[in-house]
């Protein structure tokens, strides 16, 4: 019985000591623990708010972009350009850049080649724009320059993109070949079109057009019978 009483007493003492230690720990670190808990809750809530805010802004910009493209499809080019210009200024995510590309395309469709070329060239030189979009803009400018510029102007836009391994190399080569053909530089045109036909990864439609141009160059070089 004495041993049981001793064991009970020891347990009570240990529990009291643990309680006292916990009180001391809590007194010392309680505010820190509470502060960390509050920060975690606020951080989680803040992230959710930010996530909702960004998703909402992206959704609104997407709706505005679609509305502008519908205006363009309906032939309301001036209204579409106004909407796209506004989206360039205060849109969210990738939509301002997409708006710039679409606006430049509309300028070309309206027949304002000079303004369209300037717009595409500006996008191509803008280092804040993703490289793939910059490359597309250079190619678009180059195709417009075939009829509105010189071979040198086309070359300045896309010759660097025509190198092996570049994703838009065959589009760039086609623009260079057409510009050379238009300028009467048949040897240079032949070289560019041959590079396309010899590229196993060239899209079939581009390769077919290049072969047609090579046939035309060959036929033009033959003496009249």
C-alpha atoms as a PDB file:
ATOM      1  CA  UNK A   1       0.000   0.000   0.000  1.00  0.00           C
ATOM      2  CA  UNK A   2       2.861   2.360   0.868  1.00  0.00           C
ATOM      3  CA  UNK A   3       4.455   1.662  -2.501  1.00  0.00           C
ATOM      4  CA  UNK A   4       1.196   2.483  -4.288  1.00  0.00           C
ATOM      5  CA  UNK A   5       0.895   5.725  -2.350  1.00  0.00           C
ATOM      6  CA  UNK A   6       4.482   6.600  -3.216  1.00  0.00           C
ATOM      7  CA  UNK A   7       3.865   5.860  -6.917  1.00  0.00           C
ATOM      8  CA  UNK A   8       0.728   7.980  -6.866  1.00  0.00           C
ATOM      9  CA  UNK A   9       2.526  10.804  -5.163  1.00  0.00           C
ATOM     10  CA  UNK A  10       5.398  10.642  -7.680  1.00  0.00           C
ATOM     11  CA  UNK A  11       2.947  10.726 -10.590  1.00  0.00           C
ATOM     12  CA  UNK A  12       1.201  13.764  -9.122  1.00  0.00           C
ATOM     13  CA  UNK A  13       4.523  15.515  -8.646  1.00  0.00           C
ATOM     14  CA  UNK A  14       5.585  14.705 -12.221  1.00  0.00           C
ATOM     15  CA  UNK A  15       2.288  15.922 -13.615  1.00  0.00           C
ATOM     16  CA  UNK A  16       2.576  19.099 -11.600  1.00  0.00           C
ATOM     17  CA  UNK A  17       6.114  19.626 -12.843  1.00  0.00           C
ATOM     18  CA  UNK A  18       5.034  19.055 -16.447  1.00  0.00           C
ATOM     19  CA  UNK A  19       2.152  21.459 -16.006  1.00  0.00           C
ATOM     20  CA  UNK A  20       4.477  24.041 -14.533  1.00  0.00           C
ATOM     21  CA  UNK A  21       6.930  23.544 -17.403  1.00  0.00           C
ATOM     22  CA  UNK A  22       4.136  23.899 -19.942  1.00  0.00           C
ATOM     23  CA  UNK A  23       2.986  27.113 -18.267  1.00  0.00           C
ATOM     24  CA  UNK A  24       6.502  28.488 -18.424  1.00  0.00           C
ATOM     25  CA  UNK A  25       6.907  27.458 -22.075  1.00  0.00           C
ATOM     26  CA  UNK A  26       3.560  28.941 -23.002  1.00  0.00           C
ATOM     27  CA  UNK A  27       4.280  32.134 -21.088  1.00  0.00           C
ATOM     28  CA  UNK A  28       7.545  32.476 -22.949  1.00  0.00           C
ATOM     29  CA  UNK A  29       6.597  31.268 -26.432  1.00  0.00           C
ATOM     30  CA  UNK A  30       2.807  31.519 -26.516  1.00  0.00           C
ATOM     31  CA  UNK A  31       2.678  34.910 -28.251  1.00  0.00           C
ATOM     32  CA  UNK A  32       5.126  33.659 -30.898  1.00  0.00           C
ATOM     33  CA  UNK A  33       3.052  30.526 -31.520  1.00  0.00           C
ATOM     34  CA  UNK A  34      -0.121  32.577 -31.788  1.00  0.00           C
ATOM     35  CA  UNK A  35       1.614  35.038 -34.122  1.00  0.00           C
ATOM     36  CA  UNK A  36       2.816  32.257 -36.412  1.00  0.00           C
ATOM     37  CA  UNK A  37      -0.651  30.754 -36.522  1.00  0.00           C
ATOM     38  CA  UNK A  38      -2.154  34.110 -37.426  1.00  0.00           C
ATOM     39  CA  UNK A  39       0.454  34.644 -40.156  1.00  0.00           C
ATOM     40  CA  UNK A  40      -0.314  31.233 -41.645  1.00  0.00           C
ATOM     41  CA  UNK A  41      -4.033  31.959 -41.687  1.00  0.00           C
ATOM     42  CA  UNK A  42      -3.536  35.430 -43.160  1.00  0.00           C
ATOM     43  CA  UNK A  43      -1.043  34.138 -45.715  1.00  0.00           C
ATOM     44  CA  UNK A  44      -3.429  31.441 -46.884  1.00  0.00           C
ATOM     45  CA  UNK A  45      -6.313  33.881 -47.077  1.00  0.00           C
ATOM     46  CA  UNK A  46      -4.161  36.420 -48.910  1.00  0.00           C
ATOM     47  CA  UNK A  47      -3.058  33.847 -51.468  1.00  0.00           C
ATOM     48  CA  UNK A  48      -6.668  32.846 -52.122  1.00  0.00           C
ATOM     49  CA  UNK A  49      -7.662  36.486 -52.587  1.00  0.00           C
ATOM     50  CA  UNK A  50      -4.713  37.106 -54.934  1.00  0.00           C
ATOM     51  CA  UNK A  51      -5.506  33.938 -56.888  1.00  0.00           C
ATOM     52  CA  UNK A  52      -9.130  35.010 -57.304  1.00  0.00           C
ATOM     53  CA  UNK A  53      -8.086  38.543 -58.272  1.00  0.00           C
ATOM     54  CA  UNK A  54      -5.612  37.378 -60.937  1.00  0.00           C
ATOM     55  CA  UNK A  55      -8.028  34.796 -62.360  1.00  0.00           C
ATOM     56  CA  UNK A  56     -10.743  37.434 -62.507  1.00  0.00           C
ATOM     57  CA  UNK A  57      -8.485  39.950 -64.260  1.00  0.00           C
ATOM     58  CA  UNK A  58      -7.331  37.345 -66.783  1.00  0.00           C
ATOM     59  CA  UNK A  59     -10.923  36.323 -67.422  1.00  0.00           C
ATOM     60  CA  UNK A  60     -11.982  39.924 -67.991  1.00  0.00           C
ATOM     61  CA  UNK A  61      -9.083  40.522 -70.395  1.00  0.00           C
ATOM     62  CA  UNK A  62      -9.951  37.350 -72.268  1.00  0.00           C
ATOM     63  CA  UNK A  63     -13.555  38.459 -72.641  1.00  0.00           C
ATOM     64  CA  UNK A  64     -12.430  41.841 -73.949  1.00  0.00           C
ATOM     65  CA  UNK A  65     -10.075  40.221 -76.461  1.00  0.00           C
ATOM     66  CA  UNK A  66     -12.823  37.928 -77.753  1.00  0.00           C
ATOM     67  CA  UNK A  67     -15.189  40.885 -78.037  1.00  0.00           C
ATOM     68  CA  UNK A  68     -12.604  42.774 -80.113  1.00  0.00           C
ATOM     69  CA  UNK A  69     -12.053  39.813 -82.437  1.00  0.00           C
ATOM     70  CA  UNK A  70     -15.819  39.523 -82.933  1.00  0.00           C
ATOM     71  CA  UNK A  71     -15.933  43.185 -83.930  1.00  0.00           C
ATOM     72  CA  UNK A  72     -13.185  42.526 -86.456  1.00  0.00           C
ATOM     73  CA  UNK A  73     -15.017  39.466 -87.796  1.00  0.00           C
ATOM     74  CA  UNK A  74     -18.099  41.649 -88.286  1.00  0.00           C
ATOM     75  CA  UNK A  75     -16.061  44.111 -90.324  1.00  0.00           C
ATOM     76  CA  UNK A  76     -16.039  46.762 -87.600  1.00  0.00           C
ATOM     77  CA  UNK A  77     -12.292  47.256 -87.840  1.00  0.00           C
ATOM     78  CA  UNK A  78     -12.125  50.744 -86.368  1.00  0.00           C
ATOM     79  CA  UNK A  79     -14.119  49.690 -83.308  1.00  0.00           C
ATOM     80  CA  UNK A  80     -11.995  46.566 -82.984  1.00  0.00           C
ATOM     81  CA  UNK A  81      -8.789  48.624 -83.138  1.00  0.00           C
ATOM     82  CA  UNK A  82     -10.075  50.941 -80.419  1.00  0.00           C
ATOM     83  CA  UNK A  83     -10.892  47.970 -78.184  1.00  0.00           C
ATOM     84  CA  UNK A  84      -7.536  46.319 -78.852  1.00  0.00           C
ATOM     85  CA  UNK A  85      -5.620  49.529 -78.171  1.00  0.00           C
ATOM     86  CA  UNK A  86      -7.368  49.842 -74.807  1.00  0.00           C
ATOM     87  CA  UNK A  87      -6.534  46.220 -74.005  1.00  0.00           C
ATOM     88  CA  UNK A  88      -2.865  46.856 -74.843  1.00  0.00           C
ATOM     89  CA  UNK A  89      -2.799  49.542 -72.148  1.00  0.00           C
ATOM     90  CA  UNK A  90      -4.640  47.924 -69.261  1.00  0.00           C
ATOM     91  CA  UNK A  91      -5.067  44.243 -70.112  1.00  0.00           C
ATOM     92  CA  UNK A  92      -3.717  41.436 -67.979  1.00  0.00           C
ATOM     93  CA  UNK A  93      -1.416  38.496 -68.655  1.00  0.00           C
ATOM     94  CA  UNK A  94      -0.636  37.698 -72.292  1.00  0.00           C
ATOM     95  CA  UNK A  95      -3.611  39.624 -73.646  1.00  0.00           C
ATOM     96  CA  UNK A  96      -1.886  43.004 -74.152  1.00  0.00           C
ATOM     97  CA  UNK A  97       0.678  41.344 -76.449  1.00  0.00           C
ATOM     98  CA  UNK A  98      -2.007  39.366 -78.279  1.00  0.00           C
ATOM     99  CA  UNK A  99      -3.927  42.609 -78.703  1.00  0.00           C
ATOM    100  CA  UNK A 100      -0.862  44.235 -80.279  1.00  0.00           C
ATOM    101  CA  UNK A 101      -0.493  41.369 -82.758  1.00  0.00           C
ATOM    102  CA  UNK A 102      -4.187  41.385 -83.637  1.00  0.00           C
ATOM    103  CA  UNK A 103      -4.202  45.172 -84.053  1.00  0.00           C
ATOM    104  CA  UNK A 104      -1.231  44.992 -86.427  1.00  0.00           C
ATOM    105  CA  UNK A 105      -3.045  42.329 -88.450  1.00  0.00           C
ATOM    106  CA  UNK A 106      -6.134  44.532 -88.655  1.00  0.00           C
ATOM    107  CA  UNK A 107      -4.032  47.416 -89.938  1.00  0.00           C
ATOM    108  CA  UNK A 108      -2.773  45.160 -92.719  1.00  0.00           C
ATOM    109  CA  UNK A 109      -6.308  44.032 -93.524  1.00  0.00           C
ATOM    110  CA  UNK A 110      -7.393  47.658 -93.743  1.00  0.00           C
ATOM    111  CA  UNK A 111      -4.669  48.230 -96.332  1.00  0.00           C
ATOM    112  CA  UNK A 112      -2.395  50.316 -94.123  1.00  0.00           C
ATOM    113  CA  UNK A 113       0.713  48.234 -94.804  1.00  0.00           C
ATOM    114  CA  UNK A 114       3.116  50.907 -93.545  1.00  0.00           C
ATOM    115  CA  UNK A 115       1.453  51.121 -90.124  1.00  0.00           C
ATOM    116  CA  UNK A 116       1.146  47.327 -89.919  1.00  0.00           C
ATOM    117  CA  UNK A 117       4.836  46.821 -90.712  1.00  0.00           C
ATOM    118  CA  UNK A 118       5.800  49.398 -88.095  1.00  0.00           C
ATOM    119  CA  UNK A 119       3.567  47.673 -85.528  1.00  0.00           C
ATOM    120  CA  UNK A 120       4.955  44.198 -86.236  1.00  0.00           C
ATOM    121  CA  UNK A 121       8.534  45.473 -86.244  1.00  0.00           C
ATOM    122  CA  UNK A 122       7.992  47.204 -82.898  1.00  0.00           C
ATOM    123  CA  UNK A 123       6.710  43.979 -81.376  1.00  0.00           C
ATOM    124  CA  UNK A 124       9.701  42.104 -82.799  1.00  0.00           C
ATOM    125  CA  UNK A 125      12.107  44.537 -81.150  1.00  0.00           C
ATOM    126  CA  UNK A 126      10.337  44.606 -77.779  1.00  0.00           C
ATOM    127  CA  UNK A 127      12.461  42.534 -75.400  1.00  0.00           C
ATOM    128  CA  UNK A 128       9.645  42.348 -72.860  1.00  0.00           C
ATOM    129  CA  UNK A 129       7.656  40.209 -75.316  1.00  0.00           C
ATOM    130  CA  UNK A 130       8.219  36.411 -75.355  1.00  0.00           C
ATOM    131  CA  UNK A 131      10.707  35.390 -78.043  1.00  0.00           C
ATOM    132  CA  UNK A 132       8.297  33.173 -79.956  1.00  0.00           C
ATOM    133  CA  UNK A 133       5.866  36.079 -80.396  1.00  0.00           C
ATOM    134  CA  UNK A 134       8.705  38.384 -81.412  1.00  0.00           C
ATOM    135  CA  UNK A 135       9.721  35.876 -84.092  1.00  0.00           C
ATOM    136  CA  UNK A 136       6.160  35.648 -85.403  1.00  0.00           C
ATOM    137  CA  UNK A 137       5.984  39.452 -85.584  1.00  0.00           C
ATOM    138  CA  UNK A 138       9.229  39.594 -87.595  1.00  0.00           C
ATOM    139  CA  UNK A 139       7.883  37.032 -90.061  1.00  0.00           C
ATOM    140  CA  UNK A 140       4.594  38.924 -90.451  1.00  0.00           C
ATOM    141  CA  UNK A 141       6.508  42.143 -91.106  1.00  0.00           C
ATOM    142  CA  UNK A 142       8.707  40.374 -93.657  1.00  0.00           C
ATOM    143  CA  UNK A 143       5.771  39.070 -95.702  1.00  0.00           C
ATOM    144  CA  UNK A 144       4.259  42.555 -95.811  1.00  0.00           C
ATOM    145  CA  UNK A 145       7.614  43.976 -96.894  1.00  0.00           C
ATOM    146  CA  UNK A 146       7.761  41.668 -99.942  1.00  0.00           C
ATOM    147  CA  UNK A 147       5.287  43.981-101.696  1.00  0.00           C
ATOM    148  CA  UNK A 148       6.055  47.117 -99.698  1.00  0.00           C
ATOM    149  CA  UNK A 149       9.819  47.147 -99.297  1.00  0.00           C
ATOM    150  CA  UNK A 150      13.109  45.811-100.581  1.00  0.00           C
ATOM    151  CA  UNK A 151      14.899  42.487-100.295  1.00  0.00           C
ATOM    152  CA  UNK A 152      17.250  44.091 -97.786  1.00  0.00           C
ATOM    153  CA  UNK A 153      14.312  45.176 -95.632  1.00  0.00           C
ATOM    154  CA  UNK A 154      12.927  41.624 -95.634  1.00  0.00           C
ATOM    155  CA  UNK A 155      16.378  40.258 -94.845  1.00  0.00           C
ATOM    156  CA  UNK A 156      16.733  42.633 -91.885  1.00  0.00           C
ATOM    157  CA  UNK A 157      13.539  41.205 -90.405  1.00  0.00           C
ATOM    158  CA  UNK A 158      14.028  37.468 -90.847  1.00  0.00           C
ATOM    159  CA  UNK A 159      17.394  36.320 -92.157  1.00  0.00           C
ATOM    160  CA  UNK A 160      18.526  35.421 -88.633  1.00  0.00           C
ATOM    161  CA  UNK A 161      15.369  33.315 -88.276  1.00  0.00           C
ATOM    162  CA  UNK A 162      16.223  31.302 -91.412  1.00  0.00           C
ATOM    163  CA  UNK A 163      19.145  29.517 -89.767  1.00  0.00           C
ATOM    164  CA  UNK A 164      18.947  25.732 -89.191  1.00  0.00           C
ATOM    165  CA  UNK A 165      17.243  24.862 -85.929  1.00  0.00           C
ATOM    166  CA  UNK A 166      15.064  27.960 -85.739  1.00  0.00           C
ATOM    167  CA  UNK A 167      11.397  27.066 -85.392  1.00  0.00           C
ATOM    168  CA  UNK A 168      10.192  29.524 -88.050  1.00  0.00           C
ATOM    169  CA  UNK A 169      13.113  28.999 -90.407  1.00  0.00           C
ATOM    170  CA  UNK A 170      11.072  27.826 -93.389  1.00  0.00           C
ATOM    171  CA  UNK A 171       8.594  30.706 -93.156  1.00  0.00           C
ATOM    172  CA  UNK A 172      11.578  33.055 -93.018  1.00  0.00           C
ATOM    173  CA  UNK A 173      13.196  31.312 -96.009  1.00  0.00           C
ATOM    174  CA  UNK A 174       9.959  31.566 -97.981  1.00  0.00           C
ATOM    175  CA  UNK A 175       9.729  35.301 -97.321  1.00  0.00           C
ATOM    176  CA  UNK A 176      13.368  35.753 -98.346  1.00  0.00           C
ATOM    177  CA  UNK A 177      12.906  33.639-101.476  1.00  0.00           C
ATOM    178  CA  UNK A 178       9.813  35.570-102.552  1.00  0.00           C
ATOM    179  CA  UNK A 179      11.523  38.901-101.905  1.00  0.00           C
ATOM    180  CA  UNK A 180      14.552  37.840-103.934  1.00  0.00           C
ATOM    181  CA  UNK A 181      12.307  36.575-106.753  1.00  0.00           C
ATOM    182  CA  UNK A 182      10.399  39.854-106.831  1.00  0.00           C
ATOM    183  CA  UNK A 183      13.697  41.768-106.914  1.00  0.00           C
ATOM    184  CA  UNK A 184      14.884  39.677-109.872  1.00  0.00           C
ATOM    185  CA  UNK A 185      17.629  38.002-107.819  1.00  0.00           C
ATOM    186  CA  UNK A 186      16.898  34.522-109.170  1.00  0.00           C
ATOM    187  CA  UNK A 187      20.040  32.794-107.921  1.00  0.00           C
ATOM    188  CA  UNK A 188      19.385  33.987-104.392  1.00  0.00           C
ATOM    189  CA  UNK A 189      15.713  33.051-104.647  1.00  0.00           C
ATOM    190  CA  UNK A 190      16.648  29.565-105.830  1.00  0.00           C
ATOM    191  CA  UNK A 191      18.970  29.117-102.851  1.00  0.00           C
ATOM    192  CA  UNK A 192      16.263  29.982-100.351  1.00  0.00           C
ATOM    193  CA  UNK A 193      13.619  27.788-101.961  1.00  0.00           C
ATOM    194  CA  UNK A 194      16.055  24.877-102.215  1.00  0.00           C
ATOM    195  CA  UNK A 195      16.800  25.164 -98.508  1.00  0.00           C
ATOM    196  CA  UNK A 196      13.083  24.673 -97.869  1.00  0.00           C
ATOM    197  CA  UNK A 197      12.725  21.643-100.154  1.00  0.00           C
ATOM    198  CA  UNK A 198      15.834  20.049 -98.648  1.00  0.00           C
ATOM    199  CA  UNK A 199      14.565  20.463 -95.088  1.00  0.00           C
ATOM    200  CA  UNK A 200      12.852  17.222 -94.052  1.00  0.00           C
ATOM    201  CA  UNK A 201      10.950  19.084 -91.341  1.00  0.00           C
ATOM    202  CA  UNK A 202       9.507  21.737 -93.642  1.00  0.00           C
ATOM    203  CA  UNK A 203       5.686  21.843 -93.554  1.00  0.00           C
ATOM    204  CA  UNK A 204       4.260  20.207 -96.671  1.00  0.00           C
ATOM    205  CA  UNK A 205       2.390  23.286 -97.859  1.00  0.00           C
ATOM    206  CA  UNK A 206       5.509  25.443 -97.556  1.00  0.00           C
ATOM    207  CA  UNK A 207       7.649  22.828 -99.313  1.00  0.00           C
ATOM    208  CA  UNK A 208       5.075  22.536-102.109  1.00  0.00           C
ATOM    209  CA  UNK A 209       5.054  26.297-102.647  1.00  0.00           C
ATOM    210  CA  UNK A 210       8.857  26.351-102.674  1.00  0.00           C
ATOM    211  CA  UNK A 211       8.934  23.623-105.340  1.00  0.00           C
ATOM    212  CA  UNK A 212       6.455  25.557-107.470  1.00  0.00           C
ATOM    213  CA  UNK A 213       8.704  28.620-107.265  1.00  0.00           C
ATOM    214  CA  UNK A 214      11.754  26.532-108.194  1.00  0.00           C
ATOM    215  CA  UNK A 215       9.885  25.192-111.213  1.00  0.00           C
ATOM    216  CA  UNK A 216       8.964  28.748-112.205  1.00  0.00           C
ATOM    217  CA  UNK A 217      12.577  29.890-111.865  1.00  0.00           C
ATOM    218  CA  UNK A 218      13.779  26.952-113.953  1.00  0.00           C
ATOM    219  CA  UNK A 219      11.139  27.562-116.618  1.00  0.00           C
ATOM    220  CA  UNK A 220      11.961  31.269-116.759  1.00  0.00           C
ATOM    221  CA  UNK A 221      15.611  30.441-117.347  1.00  0.00           C
ATOM    222  CA  UNK A 222      14.959  28.263-120.378  1.00  0.00           C
ATOM    223  CA  UNK A 223      15.246  29.808-123.843  1.00  0.00           C
ATOM    224  CA  UNK A 224      12.063  30.207-125.822  1.00  0.00           C
ATOM    225  CA  UNK A 225      11.441  27.311-128.184  1.00  0.00           C
END
